[in-house]
Full PDB file with SEQRES, HELIX, SHEET, SSBOND, CRYST1, ORIGX, SCALE, CONECT and MASTER records, all heavy atoms in Angstrom:
SEQRES   1 A   41  ALA LYS LEU LEU LEU LEU HIS SER VAL ALA PRO PRO GLU          
SEQRES   2 A   41  THR ALA ARG ARG ALA LYS ALA LEU TRP ALA GLN LEU SER          
SEQRES   3 A   41  LEU GLY CYS HIS TYR HIS LEU TYR GLU LEU GLY PRO THR          
SEQRES   4 A   41  TYR ASP                                                      
HELIX    1 AA1 LYS A    2  LEU A    5  1                                   4    
HELIX    2 AA2 LEU A    6  SER A    8  5                                   3    
HELIX    3 AA3 PRO A   12  CYS A   29  1                                  18    
CRYST1    1.000    1.000    1.000  90.00  90.00  90.00 P 1           1          
ORIGX1      1.000000  0.000000  0.000000        0.00000                         
ORIGX2      0.000000  1.000000  0.000000        0.00000                         
ORIGX3      0.000000  0.000000  1.000000        0.00000                         
SCALE1      1.000000  0.000000  0.000000        0.00000                         
SCALE2      0.000000  1.000000  0.000000        0.00000                         
SCALE3      0.000000  0.000000  1.000000        0.00000                         
ATOM      1  N   ALA A   1     -34.545 -39.760 -23.063  1.00  0.00           N  
ATOM      2  CA  ALA A   1     -35.525 -40.572 -22.350  1.00  0.00           C  
ATOM      3  C   ALA A   1     -35.514 -40.241 -20.845  1.00  0.00           C  
ATOM      4  O   ALA A   1     -36.512 -40.190 -20.156  1.00  0.00           O  
ATOM      5  CB  ALA A   1     -35.286 -42.046 -22.542  1.00  0.00           C  
ATOM      6  N   LYS A   2     -34.274 -40.082 -20.267  1.00  0.00           N  
ATOM      7  CA  LYS A   2     -34.165 -39.763 -18.846  1.00  0.00           C  
ATOM      8  C   LYS A   2     -34.844 -38.408 -18.557  1.00  0.00           C  
ATOM      9  O   LYS A   2     -35.534 -38.262 -17.554  1.00  0.00           O  
ATOM     10  CB  LYS A   2     -32.715 -39.717 -18.474  1.00  0.00           C  
ATOM     11  CG  LYS A   2     -32.077 -41.083 -18.356  1.00  0.00           C  
ATOM     12  CD  LYS A   2     -30.653 -41.016 -17.929  1.00  0.00           C  
ATOM     13  CE  LYS A   2     -29.985 -42.375 -17.913  1.00  0.00           C  
ATOM     14  NZ  LYS A   2     -28.607 -42.323 -17.505  1.00  0.00           N  
ATOM     15  N   LEU A   3     -34.664 -37.458 -19.419  1.00  0.00           N  
ATOM     16  CA  LEU A   3     -35.332 -36.160 -19.209  1.00  0.00           C  
ATOM     17  C   LEU A   3     -36.822 -36.253 -19.279  1.00  0.00           C  
ATOM     18  O   LEU A   3     -37.563 -35.574 -18.541  1.00  0.00           O  
ATOM     19  CB  LEU A   3     -34.833 -35.166 -20.195  1.00  0.00           C  
ATOM     20  CG  LEU A   3     -33.376 -34.695 -19.925  1.00  0.00           C  
ATOM     21  CD1 LEU A   3     -32.820 -33.867 -21.154  1.00  0.00           C  
ATOM     22  CD2 LEU A   3     -33.246 -33.856 -18.698  1.00  0.00           C  
ATOM     23  N   LEU A   4     -37.355 -37.184 -20.092  1.00  0.00           N  
ATOM     24  CA  LEU A   4     -38.775 -37.414 -20.174  1.00  0.00           C  
ATOM     25  C   LEU A   4     -39.240 -38.135 -18.867  1.00  0.00           C  
ATOM     26  O   LEU A   4     -40.333 -37.849 -18.316  1.00  0.00           O  
ATOM     27  CB  LEU A   4     -39.183 -38.181 -21.414  1.00  0.00           C  
ATOM     28  CG  LEU A   4     -39.016 -37.496 -22.708  1.00  0.00           C  
ATOM     29  CD1 LEU A   4     -39.280 -38.459 -23.887  1.00  0.00           C  
ATOM     30  CD2 LEU A   4     -40.020 -36.315 -22.785  1.00  0.00           C  
ATOM     31  N   LEU A   5     -38.487 -39.117 -18.442  1.00  0.00           N  
ATOM     32  CA  LEU A   5     -38.803 -39.848 -17.205  1.00  0.00           C  
ATOM     33  C   LEU A   5     -38.731 -39.020 -15.994  1.00  0.00           C  
ATOM     34  O   LEU A   5     -39.392 -39.317 -14.942  1.00  0.00           O  
ATOM     35  CB  LEU A   5     -37.882 -41.041 -17.018  1.00  0.00           C  
ATOM     36  CG  LEU A   5     -38.013 -42.178 -18.033  1.00  0.00           C  
ATOM     37  CD1 LEU A   5     -36.884 -43.209 -17.952  1.00  0.00           C  
ATOM     38  CD2 LEU A   5     -39.379 -42.902 -17.787  1.00  0.00           C  
ATOM     39  N   LEU A   6     -37.989 -37.985 -16.045  1.00  0.00           N  
ATOM     40  CA  LEU A   6     -37.871 -37.069 -14.859  1.00  0.00           C  
ATOM     41  C   LEU A   6     -39.219 -36.500 -14.460  1.00  0.00           C  
ATOM     42  O   LEU A   6     -39.455 -36.257 -13.285  1.00  0.00           O  
ATOM     43  CB  LEU A   6     -36.851 -35.922 -15.215  1.00  0.00           C  
ATOM     44  CG  LEU A   6     -36.441 -35.035 -14.029  1.00  0.00           C  
ATOM     45  CD1 LEU A   6     -35.807 -35.836 -12.933  1.00  0.00           C  
ATOM     46  CD2 LEU A   6     -35.517 -33.924 -14.517  1.00  0.00           C  
ATOM     47  N   HIS A   7     -40.185 -36.338 -15.434  1.00  0.00           N  
ATOM     48  CA  HIS A   7     -41.494 -35.868 -15.130  1.00  0.00           C  
ATOM     49  C   HIS A   7     -42.235 -36.760 -14.161  1.00  0.00           C  
ATOM     50  O   HIS A   7     -43.119 -36.328 -13.449  1.00  0.00           O  
ATOM     51  CB  HIS A   7     -42.360 -35.728 -16.391  1.00  0.00           C  
ATOM     52  CG  HIS A   7     -41.972 -34.569 -17.236  1.00  0.00           C  
ATOM     53  ND1 HIS A   7     -42.440 -33.313 -17.071  1.00  0.00           N  
ATOM     54  CD2 HIS A   7     -41.065 -34.435 -18.269  1.00  0.00           C  
ATOM     55  CE1 HIS A   7     -41.945 -32.502 -17.903  1.00  0.00           C  
ATOM     56  NE2 HIS A   7     -41.092 -33.108 -18.646  1.00  0.00           N  
ATOM     57  N   SER A   8     -41.881 -38.047 -14.099  1.00  0.00           N  
ATOM     58  CA  SER A   8     -42.570 -39.014 -13.220  1.00  0.00           C  
ATOM     59  C   SER A   8     -41.999 -38.988 -11.775  1.00  0.00           C  
ATOM     60  O   SER A   8     -42.687 -39.528 -10.855  1.00  0.00           O  
ATOM     61  CB  SER A   8     -42.464 -40.405 -13.781  1.00  0.00           C  
ATOM     62  OG  SER A   8     -41.167 -40.876 -13.753  1.00  0.00           O  
ATOM     63  N   VAL A   9     -40.866 -38.360 -11.553  1.00  0.00           N  
ATOM     64  CA  VAL A   9     -40.275 -38.395 -10.204  1.00  0.00           C  
ATOM     65  C   VAL A   9     -39.979 -37.016  -9.657  1.00  0.00           C  
ATOM     66  O   VAL A   9     -39.596 -36.893  -8.494  1.00  0.00           O  
ATOM     67  CB  VAL A   9     -39.000 -39.268 -10.180  1.00  0.00           C  
ATOM     68  CG1 VAL A   9     -39.260 -40.690 -10.503  1.00  0.00           C  
ATOM     69  CG2 VAL A   9     -37.903 -38.681 -11.059  1.00  0.00           C  
ATOM     70  N   ALA A  10     -40.131 -35.966 -10.443  1.00  0.00           N  
ATOM     71  CA  ALA A  10     -39.871 -34.627 -10.001  1.00  0.00           C  
ATOM     72  C   ALA A  10     -41.102 -33.741 -10.331  1.00  0.00           C  
ATOM     73  O   ALA A  10     -41.919 -34.155 -11.229  1.00  0.00           O  
ATOM     74  CB  ALA A  10     -38.611 -34.040 -10.679  1.00  0.00           C  
ATOM     75  N   PRO A  11     -41.250 -32.600  -9.683  1.00  0.00           N  
ATOM     76  CA  PRO A  11     -42.357 -31.777 -10.075  1.00  0.00           C  
ATOM     77  C   PRO A  11     -42.282 -31.367 -11.546  1.00  0.00           C  
ATOM     78  O   PRO A  11     -41.193 -31.216 -12.105  1.00  0.00           O  
ATOM     79  CB  PRO A  11     -42.139 -30.501  -9.205  1.00  0.00           C  
ATOM     80  CG  PRO A  11     -41.358 -30.969  -8.047  1.00  0.00           C  
ATOM     81  CD  PRO A  11     -40.472 -32.106  -8.578  1.00  0.00           C  
ATOM     82  N   PRO A  12     -43.456 -31.303 -12.192  1.00  0.00           N  
ATOM     83  CA  PRO A  12     -43.452 -31.038 -13.692  1.00  0.00           C  
ATOM     84  C   PRO A  12     -42.670 -29.789 -14.097  1.00  0.00           C  
ATOM     85  O   PRO A  12     -41.970 -29.831 -15.081  1.00  0.00           O  
ATOM     86  CB  PRO A  12     -44.923 -30.938 -14.002  1.00  0.00           C  
ATOM     87  CG  PRO A  12     -45.638 -31.630 -12.924  1.00  0.00           C  
ATOM     88  CD  PRO A  12     -44.802 -31.514 -11.695  1.00  0.00           C  
ATOM     89  N   GLU A  13     -42.749 -28.779 -13.319  1.00  0.00           N  
ATOM     90  CA  GLU A  13     -42.051 -27.542 -13.619  1.00  0.00           C  
ATOM     91  C   GLU A  13     -40.527 -27.704 -13.571  1.00  0.00           C  
ATOM     92  O   GLU A  13     -39.784 -27.218 -14.367  1.00  0.00           O  
ATOM     93  CB  GLU A  13     -42.471 -26.390 -12.742  1.00  0.00           C  
ATOM     94  CG  GLU A  13     -41.816 -25.041 -13.053  1.00  0.00           C  
ATOM     95  CD  GLU A  13     -42.089 -24.534 -14.456  1.00  0.00           C  
ATOM     96  OE1 GLU A  13     -43.024 -24.947 -15.136  1.00  0.00           O  
ATOM     97  OE2 GLU A  13     -41.304 -23.616 -14.879  1.00  0.00           O  
ATOM     98  N   THR A  14     -40.096 -28.468 -12.558  1.00  0.00           N  
ATOM     99  CA  THR A  14     -38.648 -28.732 -12.418  1.00  0.00           C  
ATOM    100  C   THR A  14     -38.175 -29.569 -13.577  1.00  0.00           C  
ATOM    101  O   THR A  14     -37.079 -29.306 -14.171  1.00  0.00           O  
ATOM    102  CB  THR A  14     -38.403 -29.456 -11.071  1.00  0.00           C  
ATOM    103  OG1 THR A  14     -38.855 -28.629  -9.996  1.00  0.00           O  
ATOM    104  CG2 THR A  14     -36.919 -29.776 -10.899  1.00  0.00           C  
ATOM    105  N   ALA A  15     -38.938 -30.595 -13.964  1.00  0.00           N  
ATOM    106  CA  ALA A  15     -38.561 -31.457 -15.061  1.00  0.00           C  
ATOM    107  C   ALA A  15     -38.530 -30.692 -16.369  1.00  0.00           C  
ATOM    108  O   ALA A  15     -37.609 -30.826 -17.205  1.00  0.00           O  
ATOM    109  CB  ALA A  15     -39.528 -32.623 -15.188  1.00  0.00           C  
ATOM    110  N   ARG A  16     -39.464 -29.745 -16.593  1.00  0.00           N  
ATOM    111  CA  ARG A  16     -39.516 -28.924 -17.802  1.00  0.00           C  
ATOM    112  C   ARG A  16     -38.308 -28.052 -17.840  1.00  0.00           C  
ATOM    113  O   ARG A  16     -37.659 -27.893 -18.806  1.00  0.00           O  
ATOM    114  CB  ARG A  16     -40.774 -28.130 -17.853  1.00  0.00           C  
ATOM    115  CG  ARG A  16     -40.931 -27.294 -19.122  1.00  0.00           C  
ATOM    116  CD  ARG A  16     -41.879 -26.118 -19.013  1.00  0.00           C  
ATOM    117  NE  ARG A  16     -41.471 -25.143 -18.006  1.00  0.00           N  
ATOM    118  CZ  ARG A  16     -40.439 -24.236 -18.164  1.00  0.00           C  
ATOM    119  NH1 ARG A  16     -39.753 -24.249 -19.261  1.00  0.00           N  
ATOM    120  NH2 ARG A  16     -40.194 -23.358 -17.201  1.00  0.00           N  
ATOM    121  N   ARG A  17     -37.980 -27.398 -16.722  1.00  0.00           N  
ATOM    122  CA  ARG A  17     -36.793 -26.549 -16.664  1.00  0.00           C  
ATOM    123  C   ARG A  17     -35.527 -27.289 -16.907  1.00  0.00           C  
ATOM    124  O   ARG A  17     -34.589 -26.798 -17.558  1.00  0.00           O  
ATOM    125  CB  ARG A  17     -36.767 -25.816 -15.279  1.00  0.00           C  
ATOM    126  CG  ARG A  17     -37.801 -24.765 -15.139  1.00  0.00           C  
ATOM    127  CD  ARG A  17     -37.854 -24.112 -13.771  1.00  0.00           C  
ATOM    128  NE  ARG A  17     -36.586 -23.796 -13.223  1.00  0.00           N  
ATOM    129  CZ  ARG A  17     -36.228 -23.998 -11.941  1.00  0.00           C  
ATOM    130  NH1 ARG A  17     -37.097 -24.537 -11.124  1.00  0.00           N  
ATOM    131  NH2 ARG A  17     -35.038 -23.672 -11.516  1.00  0.00           N  
ATOM    132  N   ALA A  18     -35.415 -28.489 -16.375  1.00  0.00           N  
ATOM    133  CA  ALA A  18     -34.215 -29.327 -16.589  1.00  0.00           C  
ATOM    134  C   ALA A  18     -34.049 -29.637 -18.020  1.00  0.00           C  
ATOM    135  O   ALA A  18     -32.953 -29.566 -18.591  1.00  0.00           O  
ATOM    136  CB  ALA A  18     -34.250 -30.599 -15.738  1.00  0.00           C  
ATOM    137  N   LYS A  19     -35.118 -30.029 -18.703  1.00  0.00           N  
ATOM    138  CA  LYS A  19     -35.040 -30.354 -20.136  1.00  0.00           C  
ATOM    139  C   LYS A  19     -34.681 -29.109 -20.955  1.00  0.00           C  
ATOM    140  O   LYS A  19     -33.833 -29.199 -21.845  1.00  0.00           O  
ATOM    141  CB  LYS A  19     -36.391 -30.912 -20.591  1.00  0.00           C  
ATOM    142  CG  LYS A  19     -36.396 -31.405 -22.014  1.00  0.00           C  
ATOM    143  CD  LYS A  19     -37.723 -32.004 -22.415  1.00  0.00           C  
ATOM    144  CE  LYS A  19     -37.627 -32.443 -23.904  1.00  0.00           C  
ATOM    145  NZ  LYS A  19     -38.958 -32.845 -24.355  1.00  0.00           N  
ATOM    146  N   ALA A  20     -35.249 -27.986 -20.620  1.00  0.00           N  
ATOM    147  CA  ALA A  20     -34.945 -26.731 -21.379  1.00  0.00           C  
ATOM    148  C   ALA A  20     -33.506 -26.340 -21.154  1.00  0.00           C  
ATOM    149  O   ALA A  20     -32.804 -25.956 -22.116  1.00  0.00           O  
ATOM    150  CB  ALA A  20     -35.907 -25.645 -20.933  1.00  0.00           C  
ATOM    151  N   LEU A  21     -33.007 -26.417 -19.943  1.00  0.00           N  
ATOM    152  CA  LEU A  21     -31.653 -26.033 -19.632  1.00  0.00           C  
ATOM    153  C   LEU A  21     -30.673 -26.995 -20.352  1.00  0.00           C  
ATOM    154  O   LEU A  21     -29.666 -26.543 -20.918  1.00  0.00           O  
ATOM    155  CB  LEU A  21     -31.382 -26.002 -18.130  1.00  0.00           C  
ATOM    156  CG  LEU A  21     -29.949 -25.604 -17.781  1.00  0.00           C  
ATOM    157  CD1 LEU A  21     -29.584 -24.214 -18.213  1.00  0.00           C  
ATOM    158  CD2 LEU A  21     -29.761 -25.704 -16.237  1.00  0.00           C  
ATOM    159  N   TRP A  22     -30.997 -28.255 -20.296  1.00  0.00           N  
ATOM    160  CA  TRP A  22     -30.124 -29.232 -20.965  1.00  0.00           C  
ATOM    161  C   TRP A  22     -29.977 -28.903 -22.473  1.00  0.00           C  
ATOM    162  O   TRP A  22     -28.876 -28.950 -23.028  1.00  0.00           O  
ATOM    163  CB  TRP A  22     -30.650 -30.672 -20.767  1.00  0.00           C  
ATOM    164  CG  TRP A  22     -29.761 -31.695 -21.284  1.00  0.00           C  
ATOM    165  CD1 TRP A  22     -28.630 -32.322 -20.645  1.00  0.00           C  
ATOM    166  CD2 TRP A  22     -29.762 -32.293 -22.583  1.00  0.00           C  
ATOM    167  NE1 TRP A  22     -28.067 -33.233 -21.474  1.00  0.00           N  
ATOM    168  CE2 TRP A  22     -28.715 -33.216 -22.648  1.00  0.00           C  
ATOM    169  CE3 TRP A  22     -30.611 -32.141 -23.698  1.00  0.00           C  
ATOM    170  CZ2 TRP A  22     -28.484 -33.990 -23.821  1.00  0.00           C  
ATOM    171  CZ3 TRP A  22     -30.386 -32.887 -24.817  1.00  0.00           C  
ATOM    172  CH2 TRP A  22     -29.326 -33.789 -24.886  1.00  0.00           C  
ATOM    173  N   ALA A  23     -31.104 -28.576 -23.067  1.00  0.00           N  
ATOM    174  CA  ALA A  23     -31.088 -28.279 -24.492  1.00  0.00           C  
ATOM    175  C   ALA A  23     -30.284 -27.042 -24.809  1.00  0.00           C  
ATOM    176  O   ALA A  23     -29.452 -26.967 -25.756  1.00  0.00           O  
ATOM    177  CB  ALA A  23     -32.537 -28.070 -25.039  1.00  0.00           C  
ATOM    178  N   GLN A  24     -30.407 -26.004 -23.976  1.00  0.00           N  
ATOM    179  CA  GLN A  24     -29.629 -24.781 -24.146  1.00  0.00           C  
ATOM    180  C   GLN A  24     -28.159 -25.051 -23.937  1.00  0.00           C  
ATOM    181  O   GLN A  24     -27.291 -24.545 -24.724  1.00  0.00           O  
ATOM    182  CB  GLN A  24     -30.120 -23.707 -23.153  1.00  0.00           C  
ATOM    183  CG  GLN A  24     -31.475 -23.194 -23.480  1.00  0.00           C  
ATOM    184  CD  GLN A  24     -32.045 -22.339 -22.351  1.00  0.00           C  
ATOM    185  OE1 GLN A  24     -31.757 -22.507 -21.201  1.00  0.00           O  
ATOM    186  NE2 GLN A  24     -32.876 -21.350 -22.749  1.00  0.00           N  
ATOM    187  N   LEU A  25     -27.807 -25.760 -22.938  1.00  0.00           N  
ATOM    188  CA  LEU A  25     -26.401 -26.054 -22.647  1.00  0.00           C  
ATOM    189  C   LEU A  25     -25.831 -26.910 -23.752  1.00  0.00           C  
ATOM    190  O   LEU A  25     -24.637 -26.774 -24.110  1.00  0.00           O  
ATOM    191  CB  LEU A  25     -26.227 -26.750 -21.257  1.00  0.00           C  
ATOM    192  CG  LEU A  25     -26.506 -25.904 -20.087  1.00  0.00           C  
ATOM    193  CD1 LEU A  25     -26.581 -26.733 -18.817  1.00  0.00           C  
ATOM    194  CD2 LEU A  25     -25.491 -24.760 -19.957  1.00  0.00           C  
ATOM    195  N   SER A  26     -26.552 -27.828 -24.315  1.00  0.00           N  
ATOM    196  CA  SER A  26     -26.102 -28.651 -25.409  1.00  0.00           C  
ATOM    197  C   SER A  26     -25.750 -27.798 -26.611  1.00  0.00           C  
ATOM    198  O   SER A  26     -24.689 -28.059 -27.251  1.00  0.00           O  
ATOM    199  CB  SER A  26     -27.166 -29.722 -25.770  1.00  0.00           C  
ATOM    200  OG  SER A  26     -27.279 -30.652 -24.766  1.00  0.00           O  
ATOM    201  N   LEU A  27     -26.587 -26.874 -26.934  1.00  0.00           N  
ATOM    202  CA  LEU A  27     -26.322 -25.921 -28.035  1.00  0.00           C  
ATOM    203  C   LEU A  27     -25.085 -25.102 -27.691  1.00  0.00           C  
ATOM    204  O   LEU A  27     -24.259 -24.834 -28.568  1.00  0.00           O  
ATOM    205  CB  LEU A  27     -27.524 -25.043 -28.301  1.00  0.00           C  
ATOM    206  CG  LEU A  27     -28.699 -25.725 -29.014  1.00  0.00           C  
ATOM    207  CD1 LEU A  27     -29.861 -24.745 -29.068  1.00  0.00           C  
ATOM    208  CD2 LEU A  27     -28.303 -26.227 -30.363  1.00  0.00           C  
ATOM    209  N   GLY A  28     -24.980 -24.660 -26.480  1.00  0.00           N  
ATOM    210  CA  GLY A  28     -23.879 -23.797 -26.048  1.00  0.00           C  
ATOM    211  C   GLY A  28     -22.543 -24.451 -26.043  1.00  0.00           C  
ATOM    212  O   GLY A  28     -21.502 -23.762 -26.207  1.00  0.00           O  
ATOM    213  N   CYS A  29     -22.467 -25.739 -25.923  1.00  0.00           N  
ATOM    214  CA  CYS A  29     -21.165 -26.394 -25.801  1.00  0.00           C  
ATOM    215  C   CYS A  29     -20.676 -26.956 -27.119  1.00  0.00           C  
ATOM    216  O   CYS A  29     -19.590 -27.509 -27.221  1.00  0.00           O  
ATOM    217  CB  CYS A  29     -21.107 -27.451 -24.707  1.00  0.00           C  
ATOM    218  SG  CYS A  29     -22.108 -28.913 -24.965  1.00  0.00           S  
ATOM    219  N   HIS A  30     -21.491 -26.827 -28.172  1.00  0.00           N  
ATOM    220  CA  HIS A  30     -21.077 -27.334 -29.478  1.00  0.00           C  
ATOM    221  C   HIS A  30     -20.682 -26.151 -30.378  1.00  0.00           C  
ATOM    222  O   HIS A  30     -21.344 -25.076 -30.425  1.00  0.00           O  
ATOM    223  CB  HIS A  30     -22.208 -28.103 -30.164  1.00  0.00           C  
ATOM    224  CG  HIS A  30     -22.381 -29.444 -29.526  1.00  0.00           C  
ATOM    225  ND1 HIS A  30     -23.180 -29.607 -28.383  1.00  0.00           N  
ATOM    226  CD2 HIS A  30     -21.951 -30.625 -29.852  1.00  0.00           C  
ATOM    227  CE1 HIS A  30     -23.133 -30.875 -28.038  1.00  0.00           C  
ATOM    228  NE2 HIS A  30     -22.389 -31.532 -28.906  1.00  0.00           N  
ATOM    229  N   TYR A  31     -19.598 -26.353 -31.098  1.00  0.00           N  
ATOM    230  CA  TYR A  31     -19.153 -25.320 -31.987  1.00  0.00           C  
ATOM    231  C   TYR A  31     -19.774 -25.440 -33.379  1.00  0.00           C  
ATOM    232  O   TYR A  31     -19.834 -26.535 -33.967  1.00  0.00           O  
ATOM    233  CB  TYR A  31     -17.588 -25.488 -32.182  1.00  0.00           C  
ATOM    234  CG  TYR A  31     -17.046 -24.520 -33.190  1.00  0.00           C  
ATOM    235  CD1 TYR A  31     -16.813 -23.199 -32.840  1.00  0.00           C  
ATOM    236  CD2 TYR A  31     -16.684 -24.957 -34.471  1.00  0.00           C  
ATOM    237  CE1 TYR A  31     -16.238 -22.310 -33.773  1.00  0.00           C  
ATOM    238  CE2 TYR A  31     -16.133 -24.035 -35.360  1.00  0.00           C  
ATOM    239  CZ  TYR A  31     -15.957 -22.736 -35.021  1.00  0.00           C  
ATOM    240  OH  TYR A  31     -15.441 -21.858 -35.947  1.00  0.00           O  
ATOM    241  N   HIS A  32     -20.314 -24.345 -33.879  1.00  0.00           N  
ATOM    242  CA  HIS A  32     -20.920 -24.293 -35.230  1.00  0.00           C  
ATOM    243  C   HIS A  32     -20.304 -23.132 -35.922  1.00  0.00           C  
ATOM    244  O   HIS A  32     -20.351 -21.964 -35.355  1.00  0.00           O  
ATOM    245  CB  HIS A  32     -22.431 -24.172 -35.146  1.00  0.00           C  
ATOM    246  CG  HIS A  32     -23.075 -25.290 -34.409  1.00  0.00           C  
ATOM    247  ND1 HIS A  32     -24.418 -25.436 -34.289  1.00  0.00           N  
ATOM    248  CD2 HIS A  32     -22.632 -26.369 -33.687  1.00  0.00           C  
ATOM    249  CE1 HIS A  32     -24.770 -26.508 -33.611  1.00  0.00           C  
ATOM    250  NE2 HIS A  32     -23.650 -27.082 -33.250  1.00  0.00           N  
ATOM    251  N   LEU A  33     -19.899 -23.279 -37.144  1.00  0.00           N  
ATOM    252  CA  LEU A  33     -19.334 -22.189 -37.930  1.00  0.00           C  
ATOM    253  C   LEU A  33     -20.343 -21.076 -38.191  1.00  0.00           C  
ATOM    254  O   LEU A  33     -19.953 -19.905 -38.289  1.00  0.00           O  
ATOM    255  CB  LEU A  33     -18.834 -22.713 -39.281  1.00  0.00           C  
ATOM    256  CG  LEU A  33     -17.556 -23.516 -39.217  1.00  0.00           C  
ATOM    257  CD1 LEU A  33     -17.235 -24.100 -40.620  1.00  0.00           C  
ATOM    258  CD2 LEU A  33     -16.360 -22.663 -38.790  1.00  0.00           C  
ATOM    259  N   TYR A  34     -21.590 -21.417 -38.248  1.00  0.00           N  
ATOM    260  CA  TYR A  34     -22.598 -20.404 -38.658  1.00  0.00           C  
ATOM    261  C   TYR A  34     -23.252 -19.731 -37.450  1.00  0.00           C  
ATOM    262  O   TYR A  34     -24.145 -18.932 -37.588  1.00  0.00           O  
ATOM    263  CB  TYR A  34     -23.723 -21.089 -39.461  1.00  0.00           C  
ATOM    264  CG  TYR A  34     -24.261 -22.366 -38.760  1.00  0.00           C  
ATOM    265  CD1 TYR A  34     -25.295 -22.250 -37.854  1.00  0.00           C  
ATOM    266  CD2 TYR A  34     -23.736 -23.590 -39.021  1.00  0.00           C  
ATOM    267  CE1 TYR A  34     -25.809 -23.396 -37.272  1.00  0.00           C  
ATOM    268  CE2 TYR A  34     -24.189 -24.727 -38.438  1.00  0.00           C  
ATOM    269  CZ  TYR A  34     -25.277 -24.610 -37.525  1.00  0.00           C  
ATOM    270  OH  TYR A  34     -25.769 -25.738 -36.923  1.00  0.00           O  
ATOM    271  N   GLU A  35     -22.735 -20.024 -36.204  1.00  0.00           N  
ATOM    272  CA  GLU A  35     -23.296 -19.374 -35.017  1.00  0.00           C  
ATOM    273  C   GLU A  35     -22.190 -18.799 -34.186  1.00  0.00           C  
ATOM    274  O   GLU A  35     -21.100 -19.297 -34.100  1.00  0.00           O  
ATOM    275  CB  GLU A  35     -24.052 -20.389 -34.159  1.00  0.00           C  
ATOM    276  CG  GLU A  35     -25.337 -20.891 -34.754  1.00  0.00           C  
ATOM    277  CD  GLU A  35     -26.009 -21.856 -33.779  1.00  0.00           C  
ATOM    278  OE1 GLU A  35     -25.354 -22.510 -32.960  1.00  0.00           O  
ATOM    279  OE2 GLU A  35     -27.200 -21.979 -33.916  1.00  0.00           O  
ATOM    280  N   LEU A  36     -22.559 -17.709 -33.494  1.00  0.00           N  
ATOM    281  CA  LEU A  36     -21.707 -17.218 -32.420  1.00  0.00           C  
ATOM    282  C   LEU A  36     -21.842 -18.135 -31.224  1.00  0.00           C  
ATOM    283  O   LEU A  36     -22.959 -18.646 -31.013  1.00  0.00           O  
ATOM    284  CB  LEU A  36     -22.031 -15.750 -32.080  1.00  0.00           C  
ATOM    285  CG  LEU A  36     -21.877 -14.730 -33.185  1.00  0.00           C  
ATOM    286  CD1 LEU A  36     -22.415 -13.378 -32.695  1.00  0.00           C  
ATOM    287  CD2 LEU A  36     -20.420 -14.607 -33.528  1.00  0.00           C  
ATOM    288  N   GLY A  37     -20.831 -18.266 -30.465  1.00  0.00           N  
ATOM    289  CA  GLY A  37     -20.930 -19.053 -29.224  1.00  0.00           C  
ATOM    290  C   GLY A  37     -21.732 -18.344 -28.174  1.00  0.00           C  
ATOM    291  O   GLY A  37     -22.117 -17.166 -28.356  1.00  0.00           O  
ATOM    292  N   PRO A  38     -21.993 -18.963 -27.079  1.00  0.00           N  
ATOM    293  CA  PRO A  38     -22.762 -18.321 -26.031  1.00  0.00           C  
ATOM    294  C   PRO A  38     -22.006 -17.219 -25.400  1.00  0.00           C  
ATOM    295  O   PRO A  38     -20.746 -17.239 -25.307  1.00  0.00           O  
ATOM    296  CB  PRO A  38     -23.002 -19.460 -24.983  1.00  0.00           C  
ATOM    297  CG  PRO A  38     -21.907 -20.418 -25.278  1.00  0.00           C  
ATOM    298  CD  PRO A  38     -21.560 -20.341 -26.727  1.00  0.00           C  
ATOM    299  N   THR A  39     -22.709 -16.189 -24.951  1.00  0.00           N  
ATOM    300  CA  THR A  39     -22.083 -15.058 -24.346  1.00  0.00           C  
ATOM    301  C   THR A  39     -21.854 -15.293 -22.882  1.00  0.00           C  
ATOM    302  O   THR A  39     -22.441 -16.201 -22.289  1.00  0.00           O  
ATOM    303  CB  THR A  39     -22.909 -13.740 -24.493  1.00  0.00           C  
ATOM    304  OG1 THR A  39     -24.112 -13.972 -23.772  1.00  0.00           O  
ATOM    305  CG2 THR A  39     -23.214 -13.425 -25.955  1.00  0.00           C  
ATOM    306  N   TYR A  40     -21.007 -14.460 -22.260  1.00  0.00           N  
ATOM    307  CA  TYR A  40     -20.767 -14.588 -20.819  1.00  0.00           C  
ATOM    308  C   TYR A  40     -22.044 -14.464 -20.050  1.00  0.00           C  
ATOM    309  O   TYR A  40     -22.398 -15.280 -19.147  1.00  0.00           O  
ATOM    310  CB  TYR A  40     -19.785 -13.464 -20.411  1.00  0.00           C  
ATOM    311  CG  TYR A  40     -19.565 -13.433 -18.911  1.00  0.00           C  
ATOM    312  CD1 TYR A  40     -18.604 -14.220 -18.304  1.00  0.00           C  
ATOM    313  CD2 TYR A  40     -20.336 -12.572 -18.120  1.00  0.00           C  
ATOM    314  CE1 TYR A  40     -18.399 -14.160 -16.950  1.00  0.00           C  
ATOM    315  CE2 TYR A  40     -20.125 -12.570 -16.727  1.00  0.00           C  
ATOM    316  CZ  TYR A  40     -19.151 -13.310 -16.184  1.00  0.00           C  
ATOM    317  OH  TYR A  40     -18.940 -13.277 -14.780  1.00  0.00           O  
ATOM    318  N   ASP A  41     -22.928 -13.486 -20.427  1.00  0.00           N  
ATOM    319  CA  ASP A  41     -24.185 -13.289 -19.742  1.00  0.00           C  
ATOM    320  C   ASP A  41     -25.111 -14.503 -19.854  1.00  0.00           C  
ATOM    321  O   ASP A  41     -25.754 -14.918 -18.875  1.00  0.00           O  
ATOM    322  CB  ASP A  41     -24.882 -11.985 -20.206  1.00  0.00           C  
ATOM    323  CG  ASP A  41     -24.107 -10.767 -19.822  1.00  0.00           C  
ATOM    324  OD1 ASP A  41     -23.395 -10.794 -18.823  1.00  0.00           O  
ATOM    325  OD2 ASP A  41     -24.274  -9.783 -20.493  1.00  0.00           O  
TER     326      ASP A  41                                                      
MASTER        0    0    0    3    0    0    0    6  325    1    0    4          
END                                                                             
């Protein structure tokens, strides 16, 4: 909800990028047997 509310107080592109980055980082910090972890790059 906070990431959605961010659109009302930050530029739309910044809010979109924040939501996308948060989603990528969330996947990156969780361990799944069926996936390789994130690479250094």
